[in-house]
Every structure is written in C-alpha cells, then in structure tokens.
Amino acid sequence: MFTPAFAFLTVTIISYLVWRWYNGLHCMDIHNKHVLITGGSSGIGLALAREAVKRGAYVTIVARNTTRLNKAKQELSRFAEDASKITTLSMDLRRPFKEIKECLESNIGTLRDFSVRLVPILRCRTISRQLDVLI
C-alpha cells in the first residue's frame, strides 16, 4: 500500500506546512495601521503595544493612570521608528459608552475610521495569540 514515493511525498508536504506555520507567514501586517490597546500602560497590554510599535503601527494605549501611561510611552519610544506614532489616552472604560466614544473621537479621530476586529496579529513562531485591536 505505502510505497516509498508516497511516504516521501507525505513527509515533504507535512514538513513544508510545519515550516510555513513555524516561520510566521500568517502574521498580519499592521505597518501604518492604527492599533488601540486598552490596559496598555503595563503587563500584557504594554507588551502588545511594544510589538505593534516594532511593526510600525500607530499605537494608542489607553489606561487610567497618567504616570504609568507616560512611562509606557517613554519605553515604547525606544522601539518606534517615529515617536509621534505613539499616543496615550487616560480614560476609565467603566464610563458610559457615549463618553468613551466622544473621548476617543476627540483624541484619535472618528470611530468611522476604524473597524473593530478580533485578529491574530501575533501568530508567529510557535505561539498563536488572539488580540483585540482597532485597525
């Protein structure tokens, strides 16, 4: 049933698919796109913001603590090709949506400029993560 040619072809195809997945050809290109990250002043949010900045995205980080936001912006500026691509916004997301929308629109543009998606922008190497981003 299994000939050496069939076995070779199967191993070759599987190897190619594993190689392609491992080398991150499925990473989303976010260069010059706008990414909004809530909780971006520390922890996972800051790590996601750092990755987005390294990929050349316009990044807005949202958090409540202004001091931590300023420190985060300084840190992110070290990785940015252009520090003006980094915006901070101090806001409490427990507020009514209308207030949040007005604050976002007055600081980063109308929400019509963005589409909200759950996208895998960090599907690289062996780890696949889903992120909330505004693009």
Protein backbone atom coordinates (compact mmCIF):
# COMPACT_ATOMS: atom_id res chain seq x y z
CA MET A 1 0.00 0.00 0.00
CA PHE A 2 2.54 2.61 1.11
CA THR A 3 5.25 3.00 -1.46
CA PRO A 4 8.48 4.86 -0.73
CA ALA A 5 7.39 7.61 -3.15
CA PHE A 6 4.08 8.08 -1.31
CA ALA A 7 5.85 8.20 2.06
CA PHE A 8 8.39 10.73 0.73
CA LEU A 9 5.65 12.93 -0.73
CA THR A 10 3.65 12.84 2.53
CA VAL A 11 6.67 13.73 4.66
CA THR A 12 7.63 16.53 2.25
CA ILE A 13 4.16 18.10 2.31
CA ILE A 14 3.86 17.88 6.10
CA SER A 15 7.36 19.31 6.53
CA TYR A 16 6.54 22.24 4.25
CA LEU A 17 3.31 23.02 6.13
CA VAL A 18 5.05 22.88 9.51
CA TRP A 19 7.89 25.07 8.20
CA ARG A 20 5.45 27.61 6.80
CA TRP A 21 3.48 27.79 10.06
CA TYR A 22 6.64 27.94 12.17
CA ASN A 23 8.15 30.81 10.19
CA GLY A 24 5.14 33.02 10.78
CA LEU A 25 3.92 33.64 7.28
CA HIS A 26 0.48 34.22 8.76
CA CYS A 27 1.47 37.35 10.71
CA MET A 28 -0.82 40.26 9.98
CA ASP A 29 0.81 43.35 8.50
CA ILE A 30 -0.08 46.28 10.76
CA HIS A 31 2.52 48.76 9.46
CA ASN A 32 0.95 52.25 9.32
CA LYS A 33 -2.36 50.92 10.69
CA HIS A 34 -3.84 52.25 13.94
CA VAL A 35 -3.91 49.88 16.91
CA LEU A 36 -5.76 50.80 20.11
CA ILE A 37 -4.76 48.81 23.18
CA THR A 38 -6.62 49.10 26.46
CA GLY A 39 -4.60 48.48 29.60
CA GLY A 40 -1.53 49.45 27.61
CA SER A 41 0.46 51.04 30.42
CA SER A 42 1.68 47.75 31.91
CA GLY A 43 1.73 43.98 31.66
CA ILE A 44 0.31 42.22 28.63
CA GLY A 45 -1.11 45.46 27.20
CA LEU A 46 2.32 47.09 27.25
CA ALA A 47 3.91 44.01 25.68
CA LEU A 48 1.31 44.07 22.89
CA ALA A 49 1.88 47.79 22.36
CA ARG A 50 5.64 47.19 22.15
CA GLU A 51 5.13 44.52 19.48
CA ALA A 52 2.77 46.78 17.50
CA VAL A 53 5.26 49.67 17.69
CA LYS A 54 8.07 47.40 16.47
CA ARG A 55 5.88 46.51 13.49
CA GLY A 56 5.42 50.19 12.59
CA ALA A 57 1.82 50.67 13.68
CA TYR A 58 0.28 53.85 15.02
CA VAL A 59 -0.41 52.87 18.62
CA THR A 60 -2.81 54.40 21.12
CA ILE A 61 -2.56 52.99 24.62
CA VAL A 62 -5.44 53.58 26.99
CA ALA A 63 -5.24 53.30 30.78
CA ARG A 64 -6.38 55.19 33.86
CA ASN A 65 -3.01 56.03 35.45
CA THR A 66 -1.40 59.02 33.69
CA THR A 67 2.00 58.50 35.33
CA ARG A 68 2.21 54.90 34.13
CA LEU A 69 1.00 55.95 30.68
CA ASN A 70 3.84 58.47 30.40
CA LYS A 71 6.41 55.87 31.49
CA ALA A 72 4.97 53.40 28.98
CA LYS A 73 5.17 55.99 26.20
CA GLN A 74 8.84 56.63 27.02
CA GLU A 75 9.55 52.91 26.90
CA LEU A 76 7.67 52.44 23.62
CA SER A 77 9.51 55.39 22.05
CA ARG A 78 12.74 53.39 22.24
CA PHE A 79 11.26 50.85 19.80
CA ALA A 80 9.44 53.26 17.47
CA GLU A 81 10.64 54.41 14.07
CA ASP A 82 8.70 57.61 14.78
CA ALA A 83 7.71 58.56 18.35
CA SER A 84 4.78 60.61 17.04
CA LYS A 85 3.07 57.30 16.15
CA ILE A 86 2.52 56.66 19.87
CA THR A 87 -0.46 58.24 21.62
CA THR A 88 -1.57 57.87 25.21
CA LEU A 89 -5.08 58.37 26.46
CA SER A 90 -6.07 58.42 30.12
CA MET A 91 -9.62 57.16 30.36
CA ASP A 92 -11.74 54.93 32.59
CA LEU A 93 -13.50 52.37 30.42
CA ARG A 94 -16.18 51.84 33.06
CA ARG A 95 -17.75 55.12 31.93
CA PRO A 96 -20.84 55.10 29.67
CA PHE A 97 -20.06 54.21 26.06
CA LYS A 98 -21.15 57.63 24.78
CA GLU A 99 -18.47 59.33 26.91
CA ILE A 100 -15.82 56.83 25.80
CA LYS A 101 -16.76 57.34 22.15
CA GLU A 102 -16.59 61.14 22.47
CA CYS A 103 -13.20 60.92 24.19
CA LEU A 104 -11.80 58.62 21.51
CA GLU A 105 -13.16 60.75 18.67
CA SER A 106 -11.78 63.97 20.14
CA ASN A 107 -8.33 62.43 20.59
CA ILE A 108 -7.75 59.97 17.74
CA GLY A 109 -10.43 60.57 15.10
CA THR A 110 -13.90 59.36 14.34
CA LEU A 111 -14.80 55.77 15.01
CA ARG A 112 -15.88 55.50 11.38
CA ASP A 113 -12.17 55.47 10.54
CA PHE A 114 -11.79 52.18 12.38
CA SER A 115 -13.26 48.74 12.11
CA VAL A 116 -13.29 46.68 15.26
CA ARG A 117 -11.91 43.20 14.75
CA LEU A 118 -10.55 40.35 16.75
CA VAL A 119 -7.45 39.47 14.76
CA PRO A 120 -4.41 37.26 15.15
CA ILE A 121 -1.59 39.77 14.70
CA LEU A 122 0.93 37.77 16.70
CA ARG A 123 0.57 34.37 15.07
CA CYS A 124 4.28 33.93 14.72
CA ARG A 125 6.66 31.12 15.56
CA THR A 126 5.09 28.54 17.85
CA ILE A 127 2.63 30.71 19.76
CA SER A 128 -0.72 31.83 18.41
CA ARG A 129 -2.46 34.66 20.26
CA GLN A 130 -5.69 36.49 19.57
CA LEU A 131 -5.66 40.23 20.22
CA ASP A 132 -8.28 42.94 20.36
CA VAL A 133 -7.18 45.70 18.03
CA LEU A 134 -8.75 48.59 16.22
CA ILE A 135 -7.45 48.86 12.69
